[in-house]
Amino acid sequence: MAVAEPLDDELVELAVEVFSMLADPTRVRIVLALRGGELSVNTLADVVDKSNAAVSQHLAKMRLSRLVTTRRDGNRIFYRLANEHVAQLVTDALFQAEHSVVDQPRHHHQDERTDD
């Protein structure tokens, strides 16, 4: 097995910050909602079943942590994931969580289609 090169301390700290930022159910739901593309605060609030104010606060923190970016259209602001890694982290965390509760996680099952 190859020995991993030591990581830069700053990168490790930034990774910890990312995990800390994602350690919130509402933020995980926001990331999942944004996998399909950019959404407004109003739409995100409906999707995650939280108030606009609460979602705005979460998005502000996520923006500071560079997990999401914005685009303004008139007086509306649309949010999108900063990159594909954000969605992948959340997806992988959900897959890992699934391992904790079932013996055979759904994400390991092959497509069981039969040919007719």
PDB file of N, CA and C in Angstrom:
ATOM      1  N   MET A   1       0.848  -1.174   0.000  1.00  0.00           N
ATOM      2  CA  MET A   1       0.000   0.000   0.000  1.00  0.00           C
ATOM      3  C   MET A   1       0.893   1.237   0.000  1.00  0.00           C
ATOM      4  N   ALA A   2       0.599   2.184  -0.868  1.00  0.00           N
ATOM      5  CA  ALA A   2       1.387   3.410  -0.966  1.00  0.00           C
ATOM      6  C   ALA A   2       1.111   4.309   0.234  1.00  0.00           C
ATOM      7  N   VAL A   3       2.151   4.987   0.664  1.00  0.00           N
ATOM      8  CA  VAL A   3       2.018   5.921   1.777  1.00  0.00           C
ATOM      9  C   VAL A   3       1.540   7.254   1.220  1.00  0.00           C
ATOM     10  N   ALA A   4       0.478   7.783   1.811  1.00  0.00           N
ATOM     11  CA  ALA A   4      -0.062   9.065   1.355  1.00  0.00           C
ATOM     12  C   ALA A   4       0.880  10.194   1.740  1.00  0.00           C
ATOM     13  N   GLU A   5       0.985  11.154   0.847  1.00  0.00           N
ATOM     14  CA  GLU A   5       1.801  12.328   1.153  1.00  0.00           C
ATOM     15  C   GLU A   5       1.095  13.147   2.225  1.00  0.00           C
ATOM     16  N   PRO A   6       1.870  13.812   3.088  1.00  0.00           N
ATOM     17  CA  PRO A   6       1.243  14.643   4.114  1.00  0.00           C
ATOM     18  C   PRO A   6       0.436  15.767   3.466  1.00  0.00           C
ATOM     19  N   LEU A   7      -0.707  16.047   4.055  1.00  0.00           N
ATOM     20  CA  LEU A   7      -1.559  17.110   3.540  1.00  0.00           C
ATOM     21  C   LEU A   7      -1.191  18.442   4.173  1.00  0.00           C
ATOM     22  N   ASP A   8      -1.382  19.475   3.429  1.00  0.00           N
ATOM     23  CA  ASP A   8      -1.188  20.828   3.915  1.00  0.00           C
ATOM     24  C   ASP A   8      -2.174  21.076   5.064  1.00  0.00           C
ATOM     25  N   ASP A   9      -1.687  21.606   6.192  1.00  0.00           N
ATOM     26  CA  ASP A   9      -2.539  21.855   7.357  1.00  0.00           C
ATOM     27  C   ASP A   9      -3.721  22.758   7.020  1.00  0.00           C
ATOM     28  N   GLU A  10      -3.497  23.734   6.170  1.00  0.00           N
ATOM     29  CA  GLU A  10      -4.576  24.651   5.807  1.00  0.00           C
ATOM     30  C   GLU A  10      -5.691  23.913   5.063  1.00  0.00           C
ATOM     31  N   LEU A  11      -5.317  22.994   4.176  1.00  0.00           N
ATOM     32  CA  LEU A  11      -6.330  22.211   3.463  1.00  0.00           C
ATOM     33  C   LEU A  11      -7.125  21.331   4.418  1.00  0.00           C
ATOM     34  N   VAL A  12      -6.448  20.748   5.392  1.00  0.00           N
ATOM     35  CA  VAL A  12      -7.142  19.918   6.376  1.00  0.00           C
ATOM     36  C   VAL A  12      -8.143  20.770   7.150  1.00  0.00           C
ATOM     37  N   GLU A  13      -7.735  21.952   7.576  1.00  0.00           N
ATOM     38  CA  GLU A  13      -8.637  22.855   8.303  1.00  0.00           C
ATOM     39  C   GLU A  13      -9.827  23.259   7.439  1.00  0.00           C
ATOM     40  N   LEU A  14      -9.582  23.536   6.172  1.00  0.00           N
ATOM     41  CA  LEU A  14     -10.677  23.894   5.265  1.00  0.00           C
ATOM     42  C   LEU A  14     -11.636  22.723   5.065  1.00  0.00           C
ATOM     43  N   ALA A  15     -11.097  21.511   4.987  1.00  0.00           N
ATOM     44  CA  ALA A  15     -11.953  20.328   4.861  1.00  0.00           C
ATOM     45  C   ALA A  15     -12.832  20.170   6.097  1.00  0.00           C
ATOM     46  N   VAL A  16     -12.255  20.403   7.269  1.00  0.00           N
ATOM     47  CA  VAL A  16     -13.027  20.332   8.513  1.00  0.00           C
ATOM     48  C   VAL A  16     -14.139  21.379   8.493  1.00  0.00           C
ATOM     49  N   GLU A  17     -13.838  22.560   7.985  1.00  0.00           N
ATOM     50  CA  GLU A  17     -14.848  23.620   7.875  1.00  0.00           C
ATOM     51  C   GLU A  17     -15.993  23.186   6.953  1.00  0.00           C
ATOM     52  N   VAL A  18     -15.661  22.537   5.852  1.00  0.00           N
ATOM     53  CA  VAL A  18     -16.693  22.053   4.927  1.00  0.00           C
ATOM     54  C   VAL A  18     -17.587  21.037   5.629  1.00  0.00           C
ATOM     55  N   PHE A  19     -16.980  20.061   6.306  1.00  0.00           N
ATOM     56  CA  PHE A  19     -17.781  19.059   7.014  1.00  0.00           C
ATOM     57  C   PHE A  19     -18.641  19.708   8.095  1.00  0.00           C
ATOM     58  N   SER A  20     -18.086  20.676   8.796  1.00  0.00           N
ATOM     59  CA  SER A  20     -18.838  21.381   9.825  1.00  0.00           C
ATOM     60  C   SER A  20     -20.030  22.116   9.216  1.00  0.00           C
ATOM     61  N   MET A  21     -19.809  22.747   8.086  1.00  0.00           N
ATOM     62  CA  MET A  21     -20.877  23.490   7.423  1.00  0.00           C
ATOM     63  C   MET A  21     -21.983  22.549   6.940  1.00  0.00           C
ATOM     64  N   LEU A  22     -21.625  21.351   6.547  1.00  0.00           N
ATOM     65  CA  LEU A  22     -22.615  20.393   6.051  1.00  0.00           C
ATOM     66  C   LEU A  22     -23.260  19.576   7.170  1.00  0.00           C
ATOM     67  N   ALA A  23     -22.836  19.787   8.406  1.00  0.00           N
ATOM     68  CA  ALA A  23     -23.353  19.024   9.543  1.00  0.00           C
ATOM     69  C   ALA A  23     -24.650  19.640  10.068  1.00  0.00           C
ATOM     70  N   ASP A  24     -25.585  19.843   9.162  1.00  0.00           N
ATOM     71  CA  ASP A  24     -26.868  20.442   9.506  1.00  0.00           C
ATOM     72  C   ASP A  24     -27.920  19.867   8.549  1.00  0.00           C
ATOM     73  N   PRO A  25     -29.018  19.339   9.075  1.00  0.00           N
ATOM     74  CA  PRO A  25     -30.014  18.716   8.197  1.00  0.00           C
ATOM     75  C   PRO A  25     -30.574  19.653   7.125  1.00  0.00           C
ATOM     76  N   THR A  26     -30.808  20.906   7.480  1.00  0.00           N
ATOM     77  CA  THR A  26     -31.343  21.845   6.489  1.00  0.00           C
ATOM     78  C   THR A  26     -30.338  22.083   5.381  1.00  0.00           C
ATOM     79  N   ARG A  27     -29.076  22.217   5.723  1.00  0.00           N
ATOM     80  CA  ARG A  27     -28.052  22.448   4.697  1.00  0.00           C
ATOM     81  C   ARG A  27     -27.884  21.228   3.794  1.00  0.00           C
ATOM     82  N   VAL A  28     -27.984  20.044   4.367  1.00  0.00           N
ATOM     83  CA  VAL A  28     -27.927  18.832   3.540  1.00  0.00           C
ATOM     84  C   VAL A  28     -29.097  18.839   2.560  1.00  0.00           C
ATOM     85  N   ARG A  29     -30.280  19.187   3.044  1.00  0.00           N
ATOM     86  CA  ARG A  29     -31.454  19.238   2.157  1.00  0.00           C
ATOM     87  C   ARG A  29     -31.296  20.320   1.083  1.00  0.00           C
ATOM     88  N   ILE A  30     -30.690  21.439   1.434  1.00  0.00           N
ATOM     89  CA  ILE A  30     -30.438  22.495   0.446  1.00  0.00           C
ATOM     90  C   ILE A  30     -29.516  21.971  -0.646  1.00  0.00           C
ATOM     91  N   VAL A  31     -28.447  21.301  -0.251  1.00  0.00           N
ATOM     92  CA  VAL A  31     -27.518  20.742  -1.249  1.00  0.00           C
ATOM     93  C   VAL A  31     -28.248  19.758  -2.150  1.00  0.00           C
ATOM     94  N   LEU A  32     -29.052  18.886  -1.563  1.00  0.00           N
ATOM     95  CA  LEU A  32     -29.790  17.912  -2.369  1.00  0.00           C
ATOM     96  C   LEU A  32     -30.726  18.609  -3.350  1.00  0.00           C
ATOM     97  N   ALA A  33     -31.375  19.670  -2.906  1.00  0.00           N
ATOM     98  CA  ALA A  33     -32.277  20.411  -3.788  1.00  0.00           C
ATOM     99  C   ALA A  33     -31.521  21.084  -4.924  1.00  0.00           C
ATOM    100  N   LEU A  34     -30.314  21.559  -4.639  1.00  0.00           N
ATOM    101  CA  LEU A  34     -29.538  22.285  -5.649  1.00  0.00           C
ATOM    102  C   LEU A  34     -28.814  21.365  -6.629  1.00  0.00           C
ATOM    103  N   ARG A  35     -28.858  20.066  -6.405  1.00  0.00           N
ATOM    104  CA  ARG A  35     -28.219  19.147  -7.360  1.00  0.00           C
ATOM    105  C   ARG A  35     -28.828  19.277  -8.751  1.00  0.00           C
ATOM    106  N   GLY A  36     -30.092  19.649  -8.810  1.00  0.00           N
ATOM    107  CA  GLY A  36     -30.769  19.771 -10.095  1.00  0.00           C
ATOM    108  C   GLY A  36     -30.555  21.107 -10.783  1.00  0.00           C
ATOM    109  N   GLY A  37     -29.852  22.021 -10.140  1.00  0.00           N
ATOM    110  CA  GLY A  37     -29.602  23.332 -10.734  1.00  0.00           C
ATOM    111  C   GLY A  37     -29.978  24.447  -9.784  1.00  0.00           C
ATOM    112  N   GLU A  38     -29.822  25.658 -10.268  1.00  0.00           N
ATOM    113  CA  GLU A  38     -30.020  26.811  -9.397  1.00  0.00           C
ATOM    114  C   GLU A  38     -31.485  27.009  -9.029  1.00  0.00           C
ATOM    115  N   LEU A  39     -31.688  27.534  -7.805  1.00  0.00           N
ATOM    116  CA  LEU A  39     -33.026  27.797  -7.289  1.00  0.00           C
ATOM    117  C   LEU A  39     -33.020  29.097  -6.500  1.00  0.00           C
ATOM    118  N   SER A  40     -34.184  29.716  -6.401  1.00  0.00           N
ATOM    119  CA  SER A  40     -34.333  30.928  -5.593  1.00  0.00           C
ATOM    120  C   SER A  40     -34.522  30.544  -4.126  1.00  0.00           C
ATOM    121  N   VAL A  41     -34.386  31.530  -3.251  1.00  0.00           N
ATOM    122  CA  VAL A  41     -34.602  31.296  -1.820  1.00  0.00           C
ATOM    123  C   VAL A  41     -36.029  30.805  -1.588  1.00  0.00           C
ATOM    124  N   ASN A  42     -37.001  31.434  -2.250  1.00  0.00           N
ATOM    125  CA  ASN A  42     -38.401  31.037  -2.066  1.00  0.00           C
ATOM    126  C   ASN A  42     -38.617  29.571  -2.424  1.00  0.00           C
ATOM    127  N   THR A  43     -38.076  29.157  -3.546  1.00  0.00           N
ATOM    128  CA  THR A  43     -38.229  27.764  -3.971  1.00  0.00           C
ATOM    129  C   THR A  43     -37.527  26.827  -3.003  1.00  0.00           C
ATOM    130  N   LEU A  44     -36.309  27.184  -2.605  1.00  0.00           N
ATOM    131  CA  LEU A  44     -35.578  26.345  -1.644  1.00  0.00           C
ATOM    132  C   LEU A  44     -36.333  26.236  -0.328  1.00  0.00           C
ATOM    133  N   ALA A  45     -36.909  27.338   0.135  1.00  0.00           N
ATOM    134  CA  ALA A  45     -37.667  27.322   1.385  1.00  0.00           C
ATOM    135  C   ALA A  45     -38.838  26.347   1.286  1.00  0.00           C
ATOM    136  N   ASP A  46     -39.518  26.351   0.144  1.00  0.00           N
ATOM    137  CA  ASP A  46     -40.616  25.405  -0.056  1.00  0.00           C
ATOM    138  C   ASP A  46     -40.110  23.965  -0.060  1.00  0.00           C
ATOM    139  N   VAL A  47     -39.016  23.730  -0.762  1.00  0.00           N
ATOM    140  CA  VAL A  47     -38.482  22.371  -0.900  1.00  0.00           C
ATOM    141  C   VAL A  47     -38.023  21.812   0.442  1.00  0.00           C
ATOM    142  N   VAL A  48     -37.334  22.625   1.245  1.00  0.00           N
ATOM    143  CA  VAL A  48     -36.799  22.126   2.520  1.00  0.00           C
ATOM    144  C   VAL A  48     -37.754  22.367   3.688  1.00  0.00           C
ATOM    145  N   ASP A  49     -38.912  22.973   3.393  1.00  0.00           N
ATOM    146  CA  ASP A  49     -39.959  23.205   4.394  1.00  0.00           C
ATOM    147  C   ASP A  49     -39.471  24.041   5.578  1.00  0.00           C
ATOM    148  N   LYS A  50     -38.799  25.136   5.238  1.00  0.00           N
ATOM    149  CA  LYS A  50     -38.318  26.096   6.236  1.00  0.00           C
ATOM    150  C   LYS A  50     -38.715  27.493   5.786  1.00  0.00           C
ATOM    151  N   SER A  51     -38.638  28.451   6.689  1.00  0.00           N
ATOM    152  CA  SER A  51     -38.976  29.832   6.327  1.00  0.00           C
ATOM    153  C   SER A  51     -37.918  30.411   5.394  1.00  0.00           C
ATOM    154  N   ASN A  52     -38.322  31.430   4.633  1.00  0.00           N
ATOM    155  CA  ASN A  52     -37.366  32.114   3.758  1.00  0.00           C
ATOM    156  C   ASN A  52     -36.196  32.665   4.560  1.00  0.00           C
ATOM    157  N   ALA A  53     -36.494  33.225   5.737  1.00  0.00           N
ATOM    158  CA  ALA A  53     -35.434  33.812   6.570  1.00  0.00           C
ATOM    159  C   ALA A  53     -34.433  32.748   7.012  1.00  0.00           C
ATOM    160  N   ALA A  54     -34.933  31.593   7.431  1.00  0.00           N
ATOM    161  CA  ALA A  54     -34.032  30.518   7.877  1.00  0.00           C
ATOM    162  C   ALA A  54     -33.163  30.033   6.724  1.00  0.00           C
ATOM    163  N   VAL A  55     -33.771  29.833   5.560  1.00  0.00           N
ATOM    164  CA  VAL A  55     -33.011  29.367   4.396  1.00  0.00           C
ATOM    165  C   VAL A  55     -31.987  30.414   3.982  1.00  0.00           C
ATOM    166  N   SER A  56     -32.365  31.678   4.025  1.00  0.00           N
ATOM    167  CA  SER A  56     -31.422  32.753   3.680  1.00  0.00           C
ATOM    168  C   SER A  56     -30.210  32.742   4.598  1.00  0.00           C
ATOM    169  N   GLN A  57     -30.432  32.511   5.886  1.00  0.00           N
ATOM    170  CA  GLN A  57     -29.311  32.456   6.832  1.00  0.00           C
ATOM    171  C   GLN A  57     -28.394  31.276   6.524  1.00  0.00           C
ATOM    172  N   HIS A  58     -28.978  30.134   6.237  1.00  0.00           N
ATOM    173  CA  HIS A  58     -28.162  28.967   5.879  1.00  0.00           C
ATOM    174  C   HIS A  58     -27.367  29.239   4.603  1.00  0.00           C
ATOM    175  N   LEU A  59     -28.026  29.805   3.606  1.00  0.00           N
ATOM    176  CA  LEU A  59     -27.353  30.084   2.333  1.00  0.00           C
ATOM    177  C   LEU A  59     -26.226  31.096   2.500  1.00  0.00           C
ATOM    178  N   ALA A  60     -26.416  32.081   3.362  1.00  0.00           N
ATOM    179  CA  ALA A  60     -25.356  33.074   3.600  1.00  0.00           C
ATOM    180  C   ALA A  60     -24.113  32.392   4.166  1.00  0.00           C
ATOM    181  N   LYS A  61     -24.314  31.481   5.109  1.00  0.00           N
ATOM    182  CA  LYS A  61     -23.179  30.744   5.680  1.00  0.00           C
ATOM    183  C   LYS A  61     -22.534  29.840   4.635  1.00  0.00           C
ATOM    184  N   MET A  62     -23.364  29.191   3.841  1.00  0.00           N
ATOM    185  CA  MET A  62     -22.846  28.295   2.805  1.00  0.00           C
ATOM    186  C   MET A  62     -22.091  29.081   1.732  1.00  0.00           C
ATOM    187  N   ARG A  63     -22.543  30.285   1.470  1.00  0.00           N
ATOM    188  CA  ARG A  63     -21.848  31.129   0.486  1.00  0.00           C
ATOM    189  C   ARG A  63     -20.484  31.560   1.020  1.00  0.00           C
ATOM    190  N   LEU A  64     -20.426  31.951   2.292  1.00  0.00           N
ATOM    191  CA  LEU A  64     -19.145  32.327   2.904  1.00  0.00           C
ATOM    192  C   LEU A  64     -18.157  31.166   2.892  1.00  0.00           C
ATOM    193  N   SER A  65     -18.673  29.954   3.010  1.00  0.00           N
ATOM    194  CA  SER A  65     -17.822  28.762   2.982  1.00  0.00           C
ATOM    195  C   SER A  65     -17.576  28.264   1.562  1.00  0.00           C
ATOM    196  N   ARG A  66     -18.059  28.997   0.602  1.00  0.00           N
ATOM    197  CA  ARG A  66     -17.880  28.688  -0.828  1.00  0.00           C
ATOM    198  C   ARG A  66     -18.491  27.351  -1.241  1.00  0.00           C
ATOM    199  N   LEU A  67     -19.599  27.007  -0.610  1.00  0.00           N
ATOM    200  CA  LEU A  67     -20.328  25.808  -1.006  1.00  0.00           C
ATOM    201  C   LEU A  67     -21.369  26.124  -2.074  1.00  0.00           C
ATOM    202  N   VAL A  68     -21.862  27.365  -2.072  1.00  0.00           N
ATOM    203  CA  VAL A  68     -22.819  27.810  -3.083  1.00  0.00           C
ATOM    204  C   VAL A  68     -22.354  29.136  -3.670  1.00  0.00           C
ATOM    205  N   THR A  69     -22.849  29.419  -4.861  1.00  0.00           N
ATOM    206  CA  THR A  69     -22.614  30.708  -5.509  1.00  0.00           C
ATOM    207  C   THR A  69     -23.975  31.281  -5.890  1.00  0.00           C
ATOM    208  N   THR A  70     -23.977  32.540  -6.303  1.00  0.00           N
ATOM    209  CA  THR A  70     -25.235  33.208  -6.613  1.00  0.00           C
ATOM    210  C   THR A  70     -25.219  33.828  -7.998  1.00  0.00           C
ATOM    211  N   ARG A  71     -26.441  34.064  -8.468  1.00  0.00           N
ATOM    212  CA  ARG A  71     -26.651  34.810  -9.703  1.00  0.00           C
ATOM    213  C   ARG A  71     -27.860  35.697  -9.476  1.00  0.00           C
ATOM    214  N   ARG A  72     -27.699  36.975  -9.767  1.00  0.00           N
ATOM    215  CA  ARG A  72     -28.802  37.918  -9.587  1.00  0.00           C
ATOM    216  C   ARG A  72     -29.555  38.070 -10.901  1.00  0.00           C
ATOM    217  N   ASP A  73     -30.885  38.078 -10.797  1.00  0.00           N
ATOM    218  CA  ASP A  73     -31.755  38.340 -11.940  1.00  0.00           C
ATOM    219  C   ASP A  73     -32.785  39.361 -11.472  1.00  0.00           C
ATOM    220  N   GLY A  74     -32.521  40.635 -11.762  1.00  0.00           N
ATOM    221  CA  GLY A  74     -33.375  41.700 -11.236  1.00  0.00           C
ATOM    222  C   GLY A  74     -33.202  41.776  -9.735  1.00  0.00           C
ATOM    223  N   ASN A  75     -34.319  41.636  -9.011  1.00  0.00           N
ATOM    224  CA  ASN A  75     -34.212  41.671  -7.546  1.00  0.00           C
ATOM    225  C   ASN A  75     -34.237  40.271  -6.928  1.00  0.00           C
ATOM    226  N   ARG A  76     -34.162  39.254  -7.771  1.00  0.00           N
ATOM    227  CA  ARG A  76     -34.130  37.879  -7.270  1.00  0.00           C
ATOM    228  C   ARG A  76     -32.708  37.339  -7.332  1.00  0.00           C
ATOM    229  N   ILE A  77     -32.375  36.527  -6.338  1.00  0.00           N
ATOM    230  CA  ILE A  77     -31.062  35.884  -6.300  1.00  0.00           C
ATOM    231  C   ILE A  77     -31.270  34.381  -6.408  1.00  0.00           C
ATOM    232  N   PHE A  78     -30.516  33.777  -7.296  1.00  0.00           N
ATOM    233  CA  PHE A  78     -30.567  32.332  -7.488  1.00  0.00           C
ATOM    234  C   PHE A  78     -29.279  31.720  -6.956  1.00  0.00           C
ATOM    235  N   TYR A  79     -29.432  30.596  -6.283  1.00  0.00           N
ATOM    236  CA  TYR A  79     -28.290  29.894  -5.694  1.00  0.00           C
ATOM    237  C   TYR A  79     -28.035  28.606  -6.457  1.00  0.00           C
ATOM    238  N   ARG A  80     -26.759  28.250  -6.543  1.00  0.00           N
ATOM    239  CA  ARG A  80     -26.366  26.975  -7.152  1.00  0.00           C
ATOM    240  C   ARG A  80     -25.153  26.450  -6.386  1.00  0.00           C
ATOM    241  N   LEU A  81     -24.903  25.170  -6.522  1.00  0.00           N
ATOM    242  CA  LEU A  81     -23.733  24.573  -5.879  1.00  0.00           C
ATOM    243  C   LEU A  81     -22.473  25.124  -6.519  1.00  0.00           C
ATOM    244  N   ALA A  82     -21.459  25.346  -5.708  1.00  0.00           N
ATOM    245  CA  ALA A  82     -20.206  25.924  -6.206  1.00  0.00           C
ATOM    246  C   ALA A  82     -19.499  24.976  -7.166  1.00  0.00           C
ATOM    247  N   ASN A  83     -19.624  23.679  -6.927  1.00  0.00           N
ATOM    248  CA  ASN A  83     -18.999  22.683  -7.807  1.00  0.00           C
ATOM    249  C   ASN A  83     -19.613  21.317  -7.516  1.00  0.00           C
ATOM    250  N   GLU A  84     -19.250  20.345  -8.322  1.00  0.00           N
ATOM    251  CA  GLU A  84     -19.832  19.003  -8.199  1.00  0.00           C
ATOM    252  C   GLU A  84     -19.397  18.284  -6.926  1.00  0.00           C
ATOM    253  N   HIS A  85     -18.312  18.723  -6.305  1.00  0.00           N
ATOM    254  CA  HIS A  85     -17.814  18.043  -5.104  1.00  0.00           C
ATOM    255  C   HIS A  85     -18.764  18.211  -3.922  1.00  0.00           C
ATOM    256  N   VAL A  86     -19.457  19.338  -3.858  1.00  0.00           N
ATOM    257  CA  VAL A  86     -20.393  19.577  -2.761  1.00  0.00           C
ATOM    258  C   VAL A  86     -21.494  18.515  -2.789  1.00  0.00           C
ATOM    259  N   ALA A  87     -22.083  18.313  -3.951  1.00  0.00           N
ATOM    260  CA  ALA A  87     -23.134  17.297  -4.085  1.00  0.00           C
ATOM    261  C   ALA A  87     -22.579  15.905  -3.817  1.00  0.00           C
ATOM    262  N   GLN A  88     -21.371  15.637  -4.283  1.00  0.00           N
ATOM    263  CA  GLN A  88     -20.777  14.317  -4.090  1.00  0.00           C
ATOM    264  C   GLN A  88     -20.525  14.028  -2.613  1.00  0.00           C
ATOM    265  N   LEU A  89     -20.072  15.036  -1.862  1.00  0.00           N
ATOM    266  CA  LEU A  89     -19.858  14.852  -0.424  1.00  0.00           C
ATOM    267  C   LEU A  89     -21.150  14.460   0.280  1.00  0.00           C
ATOM    268  N   VAL A  90     -22.227  15.166  -0.038  1.00  0.00           N
ATOM    269  CA  VAL A  90     -23.510  14.874   0.601  1.00  0.00           C
ATOM    270  C   VAL A  90     -24.021  13.502   0.173  1.00  0.00           C
ATOM    271  N   THR A  91     -23.910  13.190  -1.099  1.00  0.00           N
ATOM    272  CA  THR A  91     -24.333  11.876  -1.587  1.00  0.00           C
ATOM    273  C   THR A  91     -23.550  10.770  -0.895  1.00  0.00           C
ATOM    274  N   ASP A  92     -22.236  10.926  -0.805  1.00  0.00           N
ATOM    275  CA  ASP A  92     -21.409   9.913  -0.141  1.00  0.00           C
ATOM    276  C   ASP A  92     -21.746   9.799   1.343  1.00  0.00           C
ATOM    277  N   ALA A  93     -22.040  10.916   1.994  1.00  0.00           N
ATOM    278  CA  ALA A  93     -22.422  10.878   3.410  1.00  0.00           C
ATOM    279  C   ALA A  93     -23.733  10.121   3.590  1.00  0.00           C
ATOM    280  N   LEU A  94     -24.678  10.340   2.687  1.00  0.00           N
ATOM    281  CA  LEU A  94     -25.945   9.608   2.761  1.00  0.00           C
ATOM    282  C   LEU A  94     -25.738   8.119   2.507  1.00  0.00           C
ATOM    283  N   PHE A  95     -24.867   7.788   1.558  1.00  0.00           N
ATOM    284  CA  PHE A  95     -24.553   6.381   1.317  1.00  0.00           C
ATOM    285  C   PHE A  95     -23.922   5.758   2.560  1.00  0.00           C
ATOM    286  N   GLN A  96     -23.009   6.471   3.200  1.00  0.00           N
ATOM    287  CA  GLN A  96     -22.373   5.964   4.410  1.00  0.00           C
ATOM    288  C   GLN A  96     -23.408   5.785   5.517  1.00  0.00           C
ATOM    289  N   ALA A  97     -24.316   6.737   5.645  1.00  0.00           N
ATOM    290  CA  ALA A  97     -25.372   6.634   6.653  1.00  0.00           C
ATOM    291  C   ALA A  97     -26.238   5.409   6.401  1.00  0.00           C
ATOM    292  N   GLU A  98     -26.506   5.131   5.137  1.00  0.00           N
ATOM    293  CA  GLU A  98     -27.315   3.966   4.785  1.00  0.00           C
ATOM    294  C   GLU A  98     -26.642   2.668   5.244  1.00  0.00           C
ATOM    295  N   HIS A  99     -25.321   2.620   5.194  1.00  0.00           N
ATOM    296  CA  HIS A  99     -24.589   1.444   5.675  1.00  0.00           C
ATOM    297  C   HIS A  99     -24.821   1.220   7.171  1.00  0.00           C
ATOM    298  N   SER A 100     -25.116   2.275   7.901  1.00  0.00           N
ATOM    299  CA  SER A 100     -25.319   2.174   9.345  1.00  0.00           C
ATOM    300  C   SER A 100     -26.669   1.584   9.713  1.00  0.00           C
ATOM    301  N   VAL A 101     -27.613   1.599   8.770  1.00  0.00           N
ATOM    302  CA  VAL A 101     -28.966   1.173   9.129  1.00  0.00           C
ATOM    303  C   VAL A 101     -29.464  -0.067   8.392  1.00  0.00           C
ATOM    304  N   VAL A 102     -28.802  -0.456   7.320  1.00  0.00           N
ATOM    305  CA  VAL A 102     -29.232  -1.657   6.591  1.00  0.00           C
ATOM    306  C   VAL A 102     -28.023  -2.499   6.210  1.00  0.00           C
ATOM    307  N   ASP A 103     -28.254  -3.814   6.110  1.00  0.00           N
ATOM    308  CA  ASP A 103     -27.160  -4.712   5.730  1.00  0.00           C
ATOM    309  C   ASP A 103     -26.778  -4.572   4.262  1.00  0.00           C
ATOM    310  N   GLN A 104     -27.764  -4.362   3.410  1.00  0.00           N
ATOM    311  CA  GLN A 104     -27.499  -4.255   1.975  1.00  0.00           C
ATOM    312  C   GLN A 104     -28.057  -2.923   1.476  1.00  0.00           C
ATOM    313  N   PRO A 105     -27.251  -1.880   1.498  1.00  0.00           N
ATOM    314  CA  PRO A 105     -27.724  -0.559   1.079  1.00  0.00           C
ATOM    315  C   PRO A 105     -28.233  -0.562  -0.356  1.00  0.00           C
ATOM    316  N   ARG A 106     -29.262   0.235  -0.597  1.00  0.00           N
ATOM    317  CA  ARG A 106     -29.855   0.319  -1.933  1.00  0.00           C
ATOM    318  C   ARG A 106     -28.845   0.746  -2.985  1.00  0.00           C
ATOM    319  N   HIS A 107     -27.897   1.591  -2.595  1.00  0.00           N
ATOM    320  CA  HIS A 107     -26.962   2.095  -3.605  1.00  0.00           C
ATOM    321  C   HIS A 107     -25.989   1.017  -4.085  1.00  0.00           C
ATOM    322  N   HIS A 108     -25.982  -0.149  -3.447  1.00  0.00           N
ATOM    323  CA  HIS A 108     -25.137  -1.252  -3.895  1.00  0.00           C
ATOM    324  C   HIS A 108     -25.873  -2.218  -4.822  1.00  0.00           C
ATOM    325  N   HIS A 109     -27.187  -2.104  -4.876  1.00  0.00           N
ATOM    326  CA  HIS A 109     -27.975  -3.020  -5.696  1.00  0.00           C
ATOM    327  C   HIS A 109     -27.805  -2.689  -7.170  1.00  0.00           C
ATOM    328  N   GLN A 110     -27.656  -3.730  -7.944  1.00  0.00           N
ATOM    329  CA  GLN A 110     -27.593  -3.572  -9.400  1.00  0.00           C
ATOM    330  C   GLN A 110     -29.001  -3.353  -9.923  1.00  0.00           C
ATOM    331  N   ASP A 111     -29.102  -2.737 -11.065  1.00  0.00           N
ATOM    332  CA  ASP A 111     -30.390  -2.585 -11.724  1.00  0.00           C
ATOM    333  C   ASP A 111     -30.900  -3.980 -12.063  1.00  0.00           C
ATOM    334  N   GLU A 112     -32.047  -4.338 -11.525  1.00  0.00           N
ATOM    335  CA  GLU A 112     -32.555  -5.704 -11.670  1.00  0.00           C
ATOM    336  C   GLU A 112     -33.606  -5.803 -12.766  1.00  0.00           C
ATOM    337  N   ARG A 113     -33.340  -5.182 -13.899  1.00  0.00           N
ATOM    338  CA  ARG A 113     -34.265  -5.272 -15.028  1.00  0.00           C
ATOM    339  C   ARG A 113     -34.122  -6.630 -15.704  1.00  0.00           C
ATOM    340  N   THR A 114     -35.218  -7.104 -16.190  1.00  0.00           N
ATOM    341  CA  THR A 114     -35.180  -8.350 -16.960  1.00  0.00           C
ATOM    342  C   THR A 114     -35.512  -8.042 -18.405  1.00  0.00           C
ATOM    343  N   ASP A 115     -34.898  -8.780 -19.301  1.00  0.00           N
ATOM    344  CA  ASP A 115     -35.186  -8.606 -20.722  1.00  0.00           C
ATOM    345  C   ASP A 115     -36.444  -9.381 -21.064  1.00  0.00           C
ATOM    346  N   ASP A 116     -37.318  -8.749 -21.821  1.00  0.00           N
ATOM    347  CA  ASP A 116     -38.554  -9.426 -22.242  1.00  0.00           C
ATOM    348  C   ASP A 116     -38.408 -10.004 -23.609  1.00  0.00           C
TER     349      ASP A 116
END
